[in-house]
Protein backbone atom coordinates (compact mmCIF):
# COMPACT_ATOMS: atom_id res chain seq x y z
CA MET A 1 0.00 0.00 0.00
CA ALA A 2 2.89 2.37 0.70
CA LEU A 3 4.15 1.94 -2.86
CA LEU A 4 0.69 2.32 -4.40
CA ASN A 5 0.05 5.45 -2.33
CA TRP A 6 3.37 6.87 -3.56
CA LYS A 7 2.42 6.12 -7.17
CA SER A 8 -0.94 7.85 -6.65
CA THR A 9 0.85 11.15 -5.89
CA PHE A 10 2.40 11.27 -9.39
CA ALA A 11 0.55 13.48 -11.87
CA SER A 12 1.32 10.96 -14.62
CA PRO A 13 2.85 7.66 -13.42
CA PRO A 14 5.46 6.28 -15.83
CA LEU A 15 4.72 3.29 -18.06
CA GLN A 16 7.07 1.10 -16.02
CA MET A 17 4.61 1.40 -13.14
CA SER A 18 1.62 0.06 -15.11
CA SER A 19 2.23 -3.32 -13.44
CA TRP A 20 1.77 -1.72 -10.00
CA GLN A 21 -1.79 -2.85 -9.31
CA GLU A 22 -3.60 -3.58 -6.07
CA ASP A 23 -4.68 -7.06 -7.17
CA THR A 24 -1.13 -8.31 -7.86
CA SER A 25 1.79 -8.99 -5.55
CA PRO A 26 4.39 -6.18 -5.45
CA CYS A 27 6.97 -8.93 -5.99
CA ASN A 28 5.71 -9.07 -9.60
CA TRP A 29 5.84 -5.32 -10.19
CA THR A 30 8.39 -3.75 -12.52
CA GLY A 31 11.35 -2.39 -10.57
CA ILE A 32 10.48 -4.20 -7.33
CA MET A 33 12.35 -7.19 -5.91
CA CYS A 34 11.32 -9.27 -2.91
CA THR A 35 13.17 -11.67 -0.64
CA ALA A 36 11.87 -14.31 1.77
CA ILE A 37 12.88 -13.59 5.35
CA ARG A 38 12.49 -15.74 8.46
CA HIS A 39 9.85 -14.48 10.86
CA GLY A 40 9.29 -17.08 13.56
CA ARG A 41 8.16 -20.22 11.73
CA ARG A 42 7.04 -18.28 8.69
CA MET A 43 9.06 -17.09 5.67
CA PRO A 44 7.14 -14.06 4.37
CA TRP A 45 8.21 -12.24 1.22
CA VAL A 46 9.17 -8.61 1.77
CA VAL A 47 10.18 -5.77 -0.56
CA THR A 48 13.99 -5.39 -0.51
CA ASN A 49 14.81 -3.55 -3.77
CA ILE A 50 13.39 -0.60 -5.67
CA SER A 51 15.17 -0.15 -9.00
CA LEU A 52 13.62 2.36 -11.41
CA PRO A 53 16.44 4.40 -12.97
CA ASP A 54 15.61 6.46 -16.07
CA ALA A 55 11.90 5.82 -15.51
CA GLY A 56 10.54 9.35 -15.96
CA ILE A 57 9.29 9.56 -12.36
CA TYR A 58 8.11 13.06 -11.43
CA GLY A 59 7.33 13.05 -7.75
CA GLN A 60 8.64 13.47 -4.21
CA LEU A 61 10.38 10.98 -1.94
CA GLY A 62 8.64 12.62 1.01
CA GLU A 63 5.39 11.03 -0.20
CA LEU A 64 6.79 7.50 0.25
CA ASN A 65 6.13 5.95 3.68
CA PHE A 66 9.57 4.50 4.35
CA SER A 67 8.52 3.07 7.72
CA ALA A 68 6.30 0.59 5.85
CA LEU A 69 9.36 -0.77 3.99
CA PRO A 70 11.77 -1.72 6.80
CA PHE A 71 13.59 -4.39 4.78
CA LEU A 72 14.60 -2.14 1.86
CA ALA A 73 18.27 -2.78 1.14
CA TYR A 74 18.67 -1.21 -2.32
CA ILE A 75 17.17 1.90 -3.93
CA ASP A 76 18.12 3.06 -7.44
CA LEU A 77 16.12 6.06 -8.64
CA ARG A 78 18.86 7.69 -10.70
CA ASN A 79 18.05 10.01 -13.58
CA ASN A 80 14.42 10.78 -12.81
CA SER A 81 12.66 14.03 -11.89
CA LEU A 82 12.42 13.58 -8.14
CA HIS A 83 12.01 17.00 -6.53
CA GLY A 84 11.58 18.44 -3.06
CA ALA A 85 13.66 17.44 -0.06
CA LEU A 86 15.25 14.15 0.86
CA PRO A 87 13.02 13.40 3.87
CA ALA A 88 14.32 12.79 7.40
CA SER A 89 12.02 9.73 7.52
CA ILE A 90 14.61 7.87 5.43
CA ARG A 91 16.26 7.09 8.79
CA SER A 92 13.78 4.19 9.21
CA LEU A 93 15.49 2.19 6.43
CA SER A 94 17.92 0.49 8.81
CA ALA A 95 18.71 -2.31 6.30
CA LEU A 96 19.57 0.05 3.41
CA SER A 97 23.00 -0.63 1.92
CA GLU A 98 22.91 1.22 -1.45
CA LEU A 99 21.13 4.50 -2.23
CA TYR A 100 21.37 5.93 -5.77
CA LEU A 101 19.58 9.28 -6.17
CA GLY A 102 21.91 10.99 -8.67
CA ARG A 103 20.63 13.14 -11.55
CA ASN A 104 17.36 14.30 -10.02
CA GLN A 105 16.11 17.71 -8.82
CA LEU A 106 16.31 17.18 -5.07
CA THR A 107 16.58 20.39 -3.05
CA GLY A 108 17.08 21.45 0.56
CA LYS A 109 19.58 20.17 3.07
CA ILE A 110 20.90 16.63 3.17
CA PRO A 111 19.09 15.39 6.30
CA TYR A 112 21.17 14.83 9.43
CA GLU A 113 19.16 11.63 9.97
CA ILE A 114 20.88 9.94 7.04
CA GLY A 115 23.69 9.27 9.52
CA ASP A 116 21.40 6.69 11.19
CA LEU A 117 21.67 4.33 8.19
CA GLN A 118 24.36 2.16 9.74
CA SER A 119 24.21 -0.48 6.95
CA LEU A 120 24.83 2.03 4.14
CA ARG A 121 27.74 1.14 1.87
CA LEU A 122 27.05 3.46 -1.06
CA LEU A 123 25.49 6.94 -1.14
CA ASP A 124 25.17 8.82 -4.45
CA LEU A 125 23.47 12.23 -4.38
CA SER A 126 25.30 13.67 -7.39
CA PHE A 127 23.74 16.15 -9.86
CA ASN A 128 21.02 17.47 -7.56
CA LYS A 129 20.38 20.88 -5.98
CA HIS A 130 21.14 20.16 -2.33
CA THR A 131 22.10 23.22 -0.25
CA GLY A 132 23.38 23.83 3.26
CA GLN A 133 26.25 22.00 4.89
CA ILE A 134 27.15 18.34 4.52
CA PRO A 135 25.90 16.82 7.79
CA ALA A 136 28.61 15.72 10.21
CA SER A 137 26.47 12.66 10.95
CA LEU A 138 27.77 11.03 7.76
CA ASN A 139 30.88 10.24 9.81
CA ASN A 140 28.72 7.59 11.57
CA LEU A 141 28.41 5.56 8.35
CA THR A 142 31.46 3.41 9.01
CA MET A 143 30.45 0.76 6.43
CA LEU A 144 30.48 3.33 3.61
CA THR A 145 32.75 2.54 0.64
CA VAL A 146 31.43 5.16 -1.84
CA LEU A 147 30.27 8.72 -1.00
CA VAL A 148 29.39 10.96 -3.95
CA ILE A 149 27.89 14.46 -3.50
CA HIS A 150 29.25 15.83 -6.80
CA GLN A 151 27.62 18.84 -8.54
CA ASN A 152 25.26 20.20 -5.90
CA MET A 153 25.19 23.51 -4.04
CA VAL A 154 26.40 22.36 -0.62
CA SER A 155 28.59 24.83 1.26
CA GLY A 156 30.60 25.22 4.44
CA PRO A 157 33.48 23.03 5.58
CA ILE A 158 34.21 19.42 4.71
CA PRO A 159 33.09 17.47 7.80
CA GLU A 160 35.41 15.26 9.80
CA PHE A 161 35.28 11.94 7.95
CA GLY A 162 38.06 10.21 9.90
CA ARG A 163 35.85 7.26 10.92
CA LEU A 164 34.98 6.27 7.34
CA VAL A 165 37.93 3.89 7.18
CA ASN A 166 36.32 1.66 4.52
CA LEU A 167 35.79 4.54 2.07
CA GLN A 168 37.23 3.89 -1.39
CA ILE A 169 35.69 6.79 -3.33
CA LEU A 170 35.05 10.28 -1.90
CA GLN A 171 33.70 12.80 -4.39
CA LEU A 172 32.61 16.24 -3.15
CA SER A 173 33.56 18.14 -6.31
CA ASN A 174 31.75 21.07 -7.99
CA ASN A 175 30.09 22.56 -4.93
CA THR A 176 30.85 25.71 -2.89
CA LEU A 177 32.70 24.03 -0.01
CA SER A 178 35.10 26.30 1.87
CA GLY A 179 37.72 26.12 4.60
CA MET A 180 40.70 23.80 4.74
CA ILE A 181 41.05 20.20 3.61
CA PRO A 182 40.76 18.21 6.87
CA LYS A 183 43.97 16.50 7.92
CA ASN A 184 42.08 13.44 9.08
CA LEU A 185 41.25 12.50 5.50
CA GLY A 186 44.65 10.86 5.88
CA ASN A 187 42.90 8.24 8.07
CA LEU A 188 40.95 6.96 5.05
CA THR A 189 43.68 4.53 4.04
CA GLN A 190 41.46 2.51 1.66
CA LEU A 191 40.75 5.53 -0.60
CA ASN A 192 41.31 4.94 -4.31
CA ASP A 193 39.79 8.22 -5.55
CA LEU A 194 39.57 11.63 -3.86
CA TYR A 195 37.80 14.36 -5.82
CA LEU A 196 37.52 17.79 -4.19
CA TYR A 197 37.92 20.00 -7.29
CA GLY A 198 35.69 22.93 -8.17
CA ASN A 199 35.13 24.32 -4.67
CA GLN A 200 36.42 27.26 -2.62
CA LEU A 201 38.81 25.31 -0.41
CA SER A 202 41.80 27.25 0.92
CA GLY A 203 44.97 26.73 2.90
CA PRO A 204 47.67 24.09 2.36
CA ILE A 205 47.40 20.58 0.95
CA PRO A 206 47.71 18.42 4.10
CA GLN A 207 50.85 16.29 4.19
CA GLU A 208 48.67 13.55 5.75
CA LEU A 209 47.31 12.79 2.27
CA GLY A 210 50.66 11.11 1.65
CA GLY A 211 49.42 8.24 3.83
CA LEU A 212 46.73 7.28 1.31
CA VAL A 213 48.90 4.59 -0.25
CA HIS A 214 46.07 3.11 -2.39
CA LEU A 215 45.20 6.45 -3.98
CA GLN A 216 45.00 6.30 -7.78
CA SER A 217 43.33 9.64 -8.48
CA LEU A 218 43.71 12.91 -6.52
CA GLN A 219 41.93 15.93 -7.98
CA LEU A 220 42.13 19.21 -6.04
CA GLN A 221 42.15 21.71 -8.92
CA SER A 222 39.93 24.81 -9.18
CA ASN A 223 40.15 25.76 -5.50
CA ASP A 224 42.05 28.48 -3.62
CA LEU A 225 44.76 26.26 -2.14
CA SER A 226 48.14 27.75 -1.22
CA GLY A 227 51.54 26.74 0.08
CA PRO A 228 53.95 24.09 -1.17
CA ILE A 229 53.05 20.69 -2.60
CA PRO A 230 53.84 18.30 0.30
CA ILE A 231 56.76 15.97 -0.33
CA SER A 232 54.65 13.13 1.10
CA ILE A 233 52.70 13.05 -2.19
CA ALA A 234 55.74 11.19 -3.56
CA ASN A 235 54.68 8.19 -1.41
CA LEU A 236 51.58 7.68 -3.56
CA THR A 237 53.15 5.16 -5.93
CA LYS A 238 49.79 3.88 -7.30
CA MET A 239 48.78 7.36 -8.48
CA LYS A 240 47.51 7.53 -12.07
CA GLU A 241 45.86 10.99 -12.00
CA LEU A 242 47.09 14.03 -10.07
CA TYR A 243 45.47 17.43 -10.58
CA LEU A 244 46.43 20.25 -8.26
């Protein structure tokens, strides 16, 4: 019912949703995947995946009752026309591991509550219109391997991300971030790619980045950085791309 109610808020539901009917199981709907889970002696089927990229959806995520979908592990709604805010109610998706919302028209602040999604491994909010600061609560997402907030309008400092020790890709490029590059990014020793270009970052390049021995791409260009290039960059022997 939560999914049908969400569909009913669309002015013109996309063709892919024509299979979403009250008299059929959601497990047979286009873009929906179910999994059997153990619940006492029963094995009910529950919705675990929503995958409708490029579907022409024009609607708001705030109209979807996330609390009715507690087993959702995967959401891919890339390249649609989702608008409005990313709702704080998304915190109820405690099983969510991958969230793809890139290339939509989402606005407003990234909700602080997203830091409650302890199972999250991938978060892609690229090519939206998010404003405000990146919430410090993202530092709670210690399972995260990919964090992409490219091409938005977020501002303020880069939060302390020193606890995200599993992170392999960090992309915060093409925003209006300011302040210095945090030294504790040097804690993220699994990083392969670090993209901070196209912001208003200032101050020196931290020598601690020389500890990112797996780094293959470091892109810091189009900022207001100053001072010398740290000699520690020479330690990055796997580097394939370096833009300063």
